[in-house]
Amino acid sequence: MAVVLQEISVPGCVDCARFKKLWVEKLSKEFSDAQFEEISAIEPEGQELVARHGIMASPGIVINGELFSVGPVNEKALREKLKRSSNNE
């Protein structure tokens, strides 16, 4: 099973933009097999994820259906989680 990483974001969110830049410029290359989904918290799918995971800050990062973090993302912790998730395939 490939790693599925979902970013639940809101328009104008600075931390969301930082995460997206981190993903595009670094992590997407290292974890090229990961499936990345950017989901707006104002759309029905995003609202459902916000409610399901209790996301109270943006971005909400969900990996393989499990909430990983909310708010500013710790790059080192995310990289370690993605490595562990990739190895569990």
Foldseek 3Di string as FASTA:
>chain_A
DAKEKEWEAEPPDPLQVVVVCCCVVPVCVVRVRYHYHYHYCVDPVNVVLCVVQVADAGTFIAIPNHTDDHDHDDVVSVVVVNVVVRVVD
